[in-house]
Amino acid sequence: MQAIVEAGLPVRVAAVISNVADAAGLDFARSRGIPTAVVNHRDYPSREEFDAELAATLDRYAPDLVVLAGFMRILSDGFVRRYEGRLINIHPSLLPAYPGLHTHRRALEEGVKVHGCTVHFVTPRLDHGPIMVQAAVPVLPGDTEETLAARVLRQEHRIYPLALRWFAEDRLVIENGIVRVDGQDAAQSVLAQQ
């Protein structure tokens, strides 16, 4: 979230909303004068009730785009459909490989040579929405989950703002579940050096 705010994008961050009251992103947002809210999932007996309150909170800020960053909750189909085409997420793997949790560990256990991150539109199927952009990093001999995660995170900070810029500039087109970017800087993959 901080990388997005500091990227100098042609967008206004309407609010930062978390389900965790002590999330560091909330303090950062407050320090920048960005409105914040907390909707604690533990206060709701079901996923659907939490999602309904989350949607009501989001709608008070009237966002053009809902950007998930570090949000570790599975959203209900109804919530996802409500924001279809304007709900995006970043995932620490080269989707469709390694959806879900523990992506770096799984990549190392399987001996992949390239790992990375993906910005995608959110759909009801977990971590399988149309891909906007991906960045790849080499898996190095001696890598641990932590060292690999750190290299992937640097790329997340590069590609998430890029995807948001494309959205803000109305350059994204989804055709048959595939995202195409119009314009000259439309490379949808980044191969990072070490």
Protein backbone atom coordinates (compact mmCIF):
# COMPACT_ATOMS: atom_id res chain seq x y z
CA MET A 1 0.00 0.00 0.00
CA GLN A 2 2.82 2.38 0.82
CA ALA A 3 4.50 1.69 -2.53
CA ILE A 4 1.23 2.52 -4.28
CA VAL A 5 0.78 5.80 -2.43
CA GLU A 6 4.40 6.83 -3.02
CA ALA A 7 4.37 5.93 -6.74
CA GLY A 8 2.99 9.31 -7.81
CA LEU A 9 0.08 7.79 -9.70
CA PRO A 10 -2.64 9.88 -11.33
CA VAL A 11 -5.13 8.56 -8.77
CA ARG A 12 -6.46 9.56 -5.39
CA VAL A 13 -6.47 6.92 -2.66
CA ALA A 14 -10.00 7.28 -1.32
CA ALA A 15 -9.41 5.25 1.83
CA VAL A 16 -7.40 2.45 3.38
CA ILE A 17 -9.56 -0.22 4.98
CA SER A 18 -8.25 -3.16 6.97
CA ASN A 19 -9.68 -6.09 8.87
CA VAL A 20 -6.77 -5.79 11.33
CA ALA A 21 -6.84 -2.76 13.65
CA ASP A 22 -3.07 -2.55 14.11
CA ALA A 23 -2.09 -2.97 10.45
CA ALA A 24 0.93 -0.81 9.66
CA GLY A 25 -0.75 0.48 6.50
CA LEU A 26 -3.39 2.25 8.59
CA ASP A 27 -0.77 4.30 10.44
CA PHE A 28 0.95 5.15 7.17
CA ALA A 29 -2.35 6.22 5.60
CA ARG A 30 -3.26 8.39 8.59
CA SER A 31 0.18 10.04 8.42
CA ARG A 32 -0.62 11.00 4.81
CA GLY A 33 -4.12 12.28 5.57
CA ILE A 34 -5.82 9.32 3.89
CA PRO A 35 -9.11 8.25 5.52
CA THR A 36 -8.99 4.85 7.24
CA ALA A 37 -11.46 2.32 8.54
CA VAL A 38 -11.34 -1.06 10.25
CA VAL A 39 -13.86 -3.83 9.67
CA ASN A 40 -12.76 -6.66 11.95
CA HIS A 41 -13.81 -10.01 10.49
CA ARG A 42 -13.94 -11.48 14.00
CA ASP A 43 -16.94 -9.26 14.77
CA TYR A 44 -19.12 -11.11 12.23
CA PRO A 45 -20.45 -14.66 12.54
CA SER A 46 -20.17 -15.43 8.81
CA ARG A 47 -18.06 -14.51 5.82
CA GLU A 48 -21.12 -13.10 4.09
CA GLU A 49 -21.94 -10.76 7.01
CA PHE A 50 -18.34 -9.55 7.15
CA ASP A 51 -18.30 -9.02 3.39
CA ALA A 52 -21.59 -7.09 3.56
CA GLU A 53 -20.14 -4.70 6.14
CA LEU A 54 -16.88 -4.43 4.22
CA ALA A 55 -18.82 -3.56 1.05
CA ALA A 56 -20.92 -0.98 2.91
CA THR A 57 -17.73 0.61 4.27
CA LEU A 58 -16.07 0.59 0.85
CA ASP A 59 -19.12 2.10 -0.82
CA ARG A 60 -19.06 5.08 1.55
CA TYR A 61 -15.82 6.10 -0.17
CA ALA A 62 -17.16 5.42 -3.72
CA PRO A 63 -13.94 3.90 -5.12
CA ASP A 64 -13.44 3.42 -8.83
CA LEU A 65 -11.13 0.52 -8.05
CA VAL A 66 -10.73 -1.75 -5.01
CA VAL A 67 -7.09 -2.68 -4.53
CA LEU A 68 -6.21 -5.58 -2.24
CA ALA A 69 -2.77 -5.41 -0.65
CA GLY A 70 -1.90 -7.82 2.13
CA PHE A 71 -5.57 -8.67 2.61
CA MET A 72 -5.51 -12.32 3.66
CA ARG A 73 -9.22 -13.15 3.60
CA ILE A 74 -11.14 -15.14 1.03
CA LEU A 75 -13.99 -12.97 -0.21
CA SER A 76 -17.46 -14.34 -0.91
CA ASP A 77 -18.69 -14.76 -4.46
CA GLY A 78 -21.28 -12.03 -3.87
CA PHE A 79 -18.63 -9.53 -2.78
CA VAL A 80 -16.39 -10.36 -5.75
CA ARG A 81 -19.26 -10.04 -8.21
CA ARG A 82 -20.29 -6.67 -6.69
CA TYR A 83 -16.89 -5.21 -7.66
CA GLU A 84 -16.32 -7.26 -10.81
CA GLY A 85 -13.90 -5.60 -13.20
CA ARG A 86 -12.71 -3.16 -10.54
CA LEU A 87 -11.33 -5.45 -7.84
CA ILE A 88 -7.64 -6.35 -8.16
CA ASN A 89 -5.09 -8.25 -6.14
CA ILE A 90 -1.39 -8.97 -6.16
CA HIS A 91 -0.22 -12.51 -5.52
CA PRO A 92 3.34 -13.65 -4.75
CA SER A 93 3.66 -16.24 -7.52
CA LEU A 94 3.49 -16.47 -11.27
CA LEU A 95 -0.15 -17.47 -11.47
CA PRO A 96 -1.63 -19.91 -12.24
CA ALA A 97 1.25 -21.57 -10.35
CA TYR A 98 0.96 -21.65 -6.56
CA PRO A 99 -2.39 -20.08 -5.76
CA GLY A 100 -3.13 -19.71 -2.06
CA LEU A 101 -0.60 -19.61 0.74
CA HIS A 102 3.09 -20.49 1.20
CA THR A 103 4.01 -19.71 -2.40
CA HIS A 104 7.73 -19.22 -1.83
CA ARG A 105 8.07 -22.43 0.17
CA ARG A 106 6.22 -24.39 -2.48
CA ALA A 107 8.34 -22.92 -5.28
CA LEU A 108 11.55 -23.86 -3.44
CA GLU A 109 10.28 -27.36 -2.62
CA GLU A 110 9.49 -27.98 -6.28
CA GLY A 111 12.82 -26.63 -7.48
CA VAL A 112 11.50 -24.02 -9.89
CA LYS A 113 14.12 -21.83 -11.53
CA VAL A 114 11.90 -18.75 -11.90
CA HIS A 115 9.35 -17.37 -9.42
CA GLY A 116 7.61 -14.02 -9.16
CA CYS A 117 4.36 -12.13 -8.67
CA THR A 118 1.13 -11.42 -10.50
CA VAL A 119 -1.40 -8.57 -10.50
CA HIS A 120 -4.80 -9.88 -11.49
CA PHE A 121 -8.48 -9.06 -11.49
CA VAL A 122 -10.25 -10.91 -8.68
CA THR A 123 -12.85 -13.51 -9.61
CA PRO A 124 -14.73 -15.99 -7.44
CA ARG A 125 -12.06 -18.62 -8.17
CA LEU A 126 -9.18 -17.98 -5.77
CA ASP A 127 -6.09 -16.47 -7.44
CA HIS A 128 -7.25 -17.25 -10.98
CA GLY A 129 -8.58 -13.97 -12.39
CA PRO A 130 -7.43 -12.32 -15.61
CA ILE A 131 -3.74 -11.42 -15.35
CA MET A 132 -2.77 -7.77 -15.78
CA VAL A 133 1.01 -7.99 -15.33
CA GLN A 134 3.64 -10.35 -13.95
CA ALA A 135 7.25 -10.03 -12.82
CA ALA A 136 9.70 -12.91 -12.64
CA VAL A 137 12.79 -13.31 -10.52
CA PRO A 138 15.42 -16.06 -10.68
CA VAL A 139 15.49 -18.63 -7.91
CA LEU A 140 19.09 -18.64 -6.74
CA PRO A 141 21.12 -21.47 -5.21
CA GLY A 142 20.86 -21.20 -1.44
CA ASP A 143 17.62 -19.20 -1.52
CA THR A 144 15.41 -19.40 1.53
CA GLU A 145 11.76 -18.44 1.74
CA GLU A 146 12.85 -15.10 3.17
CA THR A 147 15.45 -14.22 0.53
CA LEU A 148 13.14 -15.26 -2.30
CA ALA A 149 10.20 -13.37 -0.76
CA ALA A 150 12.32 -10.21 -0.48
CA ARG A 151 13.22 -10.30 -4.20
CA VAL A 152 9.60 -10.96 -5.16
CA LEU A 153 8.39 -8.10 -2.92
CA ARG A 154 10.67 -5.63 -4.73
CA GLN A 155 8.95 -6.62 -7.97
CA GLU A 156 5.50 -6.35 -6.38
CA HIS A 157 6.35 -2.73 -5.59
CA ARG A 158 7.22 -2.19 -9.27
CA ILE A 159 4.27 -3.85 -10.99
CA TYR A 160 1.32 -2.98 -8.74
CA PRO A 161 1.67 0.77 -9.36
CA LEU A 162 2.13 0.03 -13.07
CA ALA A 163 -1.14 -1.95 -13.19
CA LEU A 164 -2.95 0.84 -11.32
CA ARG A 165 -1.62 3.42 -13.78
CA TRP A 166 -2.93 1.35 -16.70
CA PHE A 167 -6.33 1.07 -15.02
CA ALA A 168 -6.46 4.81 -14.28
CA GLU A 169 -5.53 5.58 -17.89
CA ASP A 170 -8.29 3.23 -19.14
CA ARG A 171 -5.76 1.14 -21.07
CA LEU A 172 -6.86 -2.32 -19.97
CA VAL A 173 -9.06 -4.45 -22.20
CA ILE A 174 -10.32 -7.91 -21.17
CA GLU A 175 -11.14 -10.19 -24.09
CA ASN A 176 -12.09 -13.84 -23.44
CA GLY A 177 -10.55 -13.69 -19.97
CA ILE A 178 -7.24 -12.30 -21.24
CA VAL A 179 -6.06 -8.78 -20.35
CA ARG A 180 -4.50 -6.67 -23.08
CA VAL A 181 -2.85 -3.32 -22.41
CA ASP A 182 -3.07 -0.58 -25.03
CA GLY A 183 -0.13 1.77 -25.57
CA GLN A 184 3.60 1.86 -25.98
CA ASP A 185 4.66 0.69 -22.49
CA ALA A 186 2.33 -2.29 -22.63
CA ALA A 187 4.84 -5.04 -21.76
CA GLN A 188 2.89 -7.24 -19.38
CA SER A 189 5.86 -9.14 -18.03
CA VAL A 190 9.03 -8.05 -16.32
CA LEU A 191 12.09 -10.25 -15.96
CA ALA A 192 14.05 -8.92 -13.03
CA GLN A 193 17.71 -9.45 -12.41
CA GLN A 194 18.84 -10.71 -9.04
